[in-house]
Amino acid sequence: MYLIVVYDVGVERVGKICRFMKGYLPRVQNSVFEGDLPESKFQAMKVGLAKRMDLSVDSVLIWALRDSHWVDRQVMGDEKLPVSQFF
């Protein structure tokens, strides 16, 4: 499945969440990760995120699509970390 993951977490957890997410998906902006993952890794990623978050104040948004063919990705301005370099 194709995922877009965006997080907004406390400053003391930003580095920890970012390092963790880099093990699953390519980083496309400061707090945004995007790419393909099998269902089993997707579930493991969610469990790992929950362990690293403070669920009372942190937020992670996940968009799950069947595959990248369903995404009309448009960039305005400078693309900081192009996803195409990973595929």
N, C-alpha and C. Protein backbone atom coordinates (compact mmCIF):
# COMPACT_ATOMS: atom_id res chain seq x y z
N MET A 1 0.84 -1.17 0.00
CA MET A 1 0.00 0.00 0.00
C MET A 1 0.89 1.23 0.00
N TYR A 2 0.36 2.31 -0.56
CA TYR A 2 1.09 3.56 -0.64
C TYR A 2 0.65 4.45 0.51
N LEU A 3 1.60 4.98 1.26
CA LEU A 3 1.30 5.75 2.47
C LEU A 3 1.86 7.15 2.41
N ILE A 4 1.14 8.06 2.99
CA ILE A 4 1.63 9.40 3.28
C ILE A 4 1.45 9.58 4.79
N VAL A 5 2.54 9.85 5.49
CA VAL A 5 2.51 9.96 6.95
C VAL A 5 3.03 11.35 7.33
N VAL A 6 2.24 12.05 8.12
CA VAL A 6 2.57 13.39 8.59
C VAL A 6 2.49 13.39 10.11
N TYR A 7 3.49 13.95 10.76
CA TYR A 7 3.44 13.97 12.22
C TYR A 7 3.66 15.36 12.78
N ASP A 8 3.06 15.59 13.93
CA ASP A 8 3.22 16.81 14.70
C ASP A 8 3.37 16.35 16.15
N VAL A 9 4.61 16.31 16.62
CA VAL A 9 4.89 15.78 17.95
C VAL A 9 5.69 16.80 18.76
N GLY A 10 5.74 16.59 20.06
CA GLY A 10 6.51 17.46 20.93
C GLY A 10 7.96 17.53 20.50
N VAL A 11 8.57 18.70 20.67
CA VAL A 11 9.94 18.93 20.21
C VAL A 11 10.92 17.89 20.76
N GLU A 12 10.66 17.40 21.96
CA GLU A 12 11.57 16.43 22.57
C GLU A 12 11.45 15.04 21.92
N ARG A 13 10.43 14.82 21.08
CA ARG A 13 10.26 13.53 20.40
C ARG A 13 10.46 13.60 18.89
N VAL A 14 10.66 14.78 18.35
CA VAL A 14 10.79 14.93 16.90
C VAL A 14 11.91 14.07 16.33
N GLY A 15 13.09 14.15 16.89
CA GLY A 15 14.23 13.38 16.39
C GLY A 15 14.00 11.89 16.47
N LYS A 16 13.42 11.44 17.56
CA LYS A 16 13.16 10.02 17.76
C LYS A 16 12.15 9.49 16.72
N ILE A 17 11.09 10.25 16.50
CA ILE A 17 10.07 9.85 15.52
C ILE A 17 10.66 9.87 14.11
N CYS A 18 11.42 10.91 13.80
CA CYS A 18 12.03 11.02 12.47
C CYS A 18 12.97 9.85 12.19
N ARG A 19 13.85 9.53 13.12
CA ARG A 19 14.77 8.40 12.93
C ARG A 19 14.01 7.09 12.75
N PHE A 20 12.97 6.92 13.55
CA PHE A 20 12.16 5.71 13.45
C PHE A 20 11.50 5.61 12.07
N MET A 21 10.89 6.69 11.61
CA MET A 21 10.18 6.69 10.32
C MET A 21 11.12 6.45 9.14
N LYS A 22 12.36 6.94 9.24
CA LYS A 22 13.32 6.72 8.15
C LYS A 22 13.59 5.24 7.91
N GLY A 23 13.31 4.40 8.89
CA GLY A 23 13.45 2.97 8.72
C GLY A 23 12.31 2.34 7.94
N TYR A 24 11.26 3.12 7.67
CA TYR A 24 10.08 2.60 6.99
C TYR A 24 9.80 3.27 5.65
N LEU A 25 9.94 4.59 5.60
CA LEU A 25 9.55 5.33 4.39
C LEU A 25 10.55 6.44 4.10
N PRO A 26 10.63 6.87 2.83
CA PRO A 26 11.47 8.03 2.51
C PRO A 26 10.86 9.32 3.04
N ARG A 27 11.72 10.18 3.54
CA ARG A 27 11.30 11.49 4.04
C ARG A 27 11.19 12.44 2.86
N VAL A 28 10.06 13.16 2.74
CA VAL A 28 9.87 14.08 1.63
C VAL A 28 9.83 15.54 2.08
N GLN A 29 9.52 15.78 3.34
CA GLN A 29 9.61 17.11 3.95
C GLN A 29 9.91 16.90 5.42
N ASN A 30 10.07 17.97 6.16
CA ASN A 30 10.51 17.85 7.55
C ASN A 30 9.72 16.82 8.36
N SER A 31 8.43 16.85 8.31
CA SER A 31 7.63 15.92 9.11
C SER A 31 6.71 15.07 8.23
N VAL A 32 7.16 14.80 7.01
CA VAL A 32 6.34 14.07 6.05
C VAL A 32 7.14 12.93 5.43
N PHE A 33 6.53 11.75 5.43
CA PHE A 33 7.13 10.56 4.82
C PHE A 33 6.13 9.98 3.84
N GLU A 34 6.65 9.37 2.75
CA GLU A 34 5.77 8.91 1.69
C GLU A 34 6.39 7.72 0.99
N GLY A 35 5.59 6.70 0.70
CA GLY A 35 6.10 5.57 -0.07
C GLY A 35 5.28 4.31 0.13
N ASP A 36 5.78 3.23 -0.45
CA ASP A 36 5.10 1.92 -0.40
C ASP A 36 5.57 1.10 0.79
N LEU A 37 4.62 0.40 1.41
CA LEU A 37 4.92 -0.54 2.48
C LEU A 37 3.95 -1.71 2.39
N PRO A 38 4.43 -2.92 2.63
CA PRO A 38 3.49 -4.03 2.76
C PRO A 38 2.68 -3.89 4.05
N GLU A 39 1.54 -4.53 4.09
CA GLU A 39 0.63 -4.42 5.24
C GLU A 39 1.32 -4.76 6.56
N SER A 40 2.15 -5.81 6.57
CA SER A 40 2.81 -6.22 7.82
C SER A 40 3.73 -5.12 8.35
N LYS A 41 4.48 -4.47 7.46
CA LYS A 41 5.37 -3.38 7.90
C LYS A 41 4.57 -2.15 8.31
N PHE A 42 3.43 -1.93 7.65
CA PHE A 42 2.56 -0.82 8.01
C PHE A 42 2.07 -1.00 9.45
N GLN A 43 1.65 -2.19 9.79
CA GLN A 43 1.18 -2.46 11.15
C GLN A 43 2.31 -2.30 12.16
N ALA A 44 3.50 -2.80 11.83
CA ALA A 44 4.66 -2.66 12.72
C ALA A 44 5.02 -1.18 12.91
N MET A 45 4.92 -0.40 11.83
CA MET A 45 5.22 1.03 11.91
C MET A 45 4.24 1.72 12.88
N LYS A 46 2.96 1.39 12.78
CA LYS A 46 1.97 2.01 13.67
C LYS A 46 2.23 1.65 15.13
N VAL A 47 2.58 0.41 15.39
CA VAL A 47 2.88 0.00 16.77
C VAL A 47 4.09 0.76 17.29
N GLY A 48 5.14 0.84 16.46
CA GLY A 48 6.35 1.56 16.85
C GLY A 48 6.12 3.04 17.08
N LEU A 49 5.29 3.64 16.24
CA LEU A 49 4.96 5.06 16.44
C LEU A 49 4.24 5.26 17.76
N ALA A 50 3.26 4.42 18.04
CA ALA A 50 2.49 4.56 19.28
C ALA A 50 3.39 4.46 20.51
N LYS A 51 4.42 3.62 20.43
CA LYS A 51 5.36 3.47 21.56
C LYS A 51 6.21 4.72 21.77
N ARG A 52 6.44 5.47 20.70
CA ARG A 52 7.33 6.63 20.78
C ARG A 52 6.59 7.94 20.99
N MET A 53 5.27 7.92 20.84
CA MET A 53 4.45 9.13 20.94
C MET A 53 3.93 9.32 22.36
N ASP A 54 3.57 10.54 22.66
CA ASP A 54 2.73 10.84 23.82
C ASP A 54 1.33 11.01 23.23
N LEU A 55 0.53 9.97 23.34
CA LEU A 55 -0.77 9.95 22.67
C LEU A 55 -1.73 11.02 23.16
N SER A 56 -1.42 11.65 24.29
CA SER A 56 -2.31 12.71 24.79
C SER A 56 -2.06 14.06 24.12
N VAL A 57 -0.89 14.23 23.46
CA VAL A 57 -0.59 15.53 22.84
C VAL A 57 -0.05 15.43 21.42
N ASP A 58 0.55 14.30 21.04
CA ASP A 58 1.14 14.16 19.71
C ASP A 58 0.09 13.71 18.69
N SER A 59 0.39 13.98 17.42
CA SER A 59 -0.54 13.62 16.35
C SER A 59 0.22 13.05 15.16
N VAL A 60 -0.28 11.96 14.60
CA VAL A 60 0.24 11.39 13.37
C VAL A 60 -0.95 11.17 12.45
N LEU A 61 -0.87 11.69 11.23
CA LEU A 61 -1.90 11.48 10.22
C LEU A 61 -1.36 10.53 9.17
N ILE A 62 -2.16 9.54 8.78
CA ILE A 62 -1.73 8.55 7.79
C ILE A 62 -2.80 8.46 6.70
N TRP A 63 -2.37 8.66 5.46
CA TRP A 63 -3.23 8.41 4.32
C TRP A 63 -2.75 7.12 3.68
N ALA A 64 -3.63 6.15 3.56
CA ALA A 64 -3.28 4.86 2.96
C ALA A 64 -4.05 4.69 1.66
N LEU A 65 -3.30 4.44 0.58
CA LEU A 65 -3.90 4.23 -0.73
C LEU A 65 -3.47 2.86 -1.25
N ARG A 66 -4.22 2.32 -2.18
CA ARG A 66 -3.89 1.00 -2.70
C ARG A 66 -2.48 0.94 -3.27
N ASP A 67 -2.13 1.92 -4.08
CA ASP A 67 -0.77 2.00 -4.62
C ASP A 67 -0.52 3.40 -5.16
N SER A 68 0.70 3.65 -5.60
CA SER A 68 1.08 5.01 -6.02
C SER A 68 0.34 5.47 -7.27
N HIS A 69 -0.28 4.56 -8.02
CA HIS A 69 -1.02 4.95 -9.21
C HIS A 69 -2.27 5.76 -8.88
N TRP A 70 -2.72 5.73 -7.63
CA TRP A 70 -3.90 6.45 -7.20
C TRP A 70 -3.55 7.85 -6.68
N VAL A 71 -2.28 8.22 -6.74
CA VAL A 71 -1.84 9.50 -6.19
C VAL A 71 -1.54 10.47 -7.33
N ASP A 72 -2.15 11.63 -7.29
CA ASP A 72 -1.81 12.71 -8.21
C ASP A 72 -0.98 13.70 -7.40
N ARG A 73 0.32 13.46 -7.36
CA ARG A 73 1.22 14.24 -6.52
C ARG A 73 1.66 15.49 -7.28
N GLN A 74 1.38 16.66 -6.73
CA GLN A 74 1.75 17.92 -7.35
C GLN A 74 2.59 18.73 -6.36
N VAL A 75 3.65 19.31 -6.86
CA VAL A 75 4.56 20.09 -6.01
C VAL A 75 4.57 21.53 -6.52
N MET A 76 4.42 22.46 -5.60
CA MET A 76 4.57 23.88 -5.92
C MET A 76 5.82 24.38 -5.22
N GLY A 77 6.64 25.09 -5.93
CA GLY A 77 7.87 25.60 -5.33
C GLY A 77 8.97 24.54 -5.33
N ASP A 78 9.92 24.71 -4.45
CA ASP A 78 11.10 23.85 -4.38
C ASP A 78 10.77 22.54 -3.67
N GLU A 79 10.97 21.43 -4.36
CA GLU A 79 10.75 20.13 -3.74
C GLU A 79 12.00 19.78 -2.93
N LYS A 80 11.88 19.83 -1.62
CA LYS A 80 13.03 19.68 -0.72
C LYS A 80 13.70 18.30 -0.83
N LEU A 81 12.93 17.25 -0.74
CA LEU A 81 13.47 15.89 -0.78
C LEU A 81 12.64 15.09 -1.78
N PRO A 82 12.98 15.15 -3.06
CA PRO A 82 12.14 14.49 -4.09
C PRO A 82 11.97 13.00 -3.84
N VAL A 83 10.74 12.55 -3.89
CA VAL A 83 10.44 11.14 -3.68
C VAL A 83 10.93 10.31 -4.85
N SER A 84 11.04 10.88 -6.02
CA SER A 84 11.46 10.12 -7.21
C SER A 84 12.86 9.54 -7.08
N GLN A 85 13.69 10.11 -6.23
CA GLN A 85 15.03 9.56 -6.06
C GLN A 85 15.02 8.20 -5.35
N PHE A 86 13.89 7.86 -4.74
CA PHE A 86 13.79 6.60 -4.01
C PHE A 86 13.15 5.49 -4.83
N PHE A 87 12.49 5.85 -5.95
CA PHE A 87 11.76 4.85 -6.73
C PHE A 87 12.43 4.59 -8.05
